[in-house]
């Protein structure tokens, strides 16, 4: 019997999460009560509090799990600043395609959650957290041109532009019922958001100069 306890716990948590998400998809979190969640899931309030401290705790645990999926993609990436990556250390196209395809696949898998979290009822704090994770991909591969971002401040602006645009395009692609195939979408992202690799192939890439 004891061996079944983890399975029971996992099933209970999953049902509570599912019930919460059905509610969160249609109304803001401040209008969702523990009672609504437990009634929808078929449990009582005491069961809810065995697993979560509050409705916000439930949401934050889901968010943490989604972010961990994305962080895992970037394990082993040493560079976090495109100014530190000379053209001789840029990844080849095959490597980048694998990285972007994994990134897109994780986003697609988590799309039901991300569509809500990044939508009108979403969590503004989560948007900043996911940008802070995804910016590592931009910083690793984008290669901001020196002429476009000559100072630390302007480089930060350009990175914000890239990562915000990347998230917006991903949301659009996920919501499009006639979306292009994932392989085509990956090629589009590389051309649109990762000019360093494109310019390196053409021999025109120039790493940004460090400012005083």
Foldseek 3Di string as FASTA:
>chain_A
DVVCVVVVLVVLLVLLLVLLLVVLQPAAPVPDALCSSCVSSVHDSVSVVVPAVGSVRSVVVVLVVLLVLLLVLCPPPDFQALLVDFLVRADAPVVQLVSLLSVLVSCLVCVSVCLSQVDPNHDPVSVVVSLVSCLSNLRRAQQDAQVQAVAPVSSVVVSVVLSVVVVVVSSVQSPDPPHDDSSVVSVVCCVPRGVSNVCSVVVNRDHHDYDD
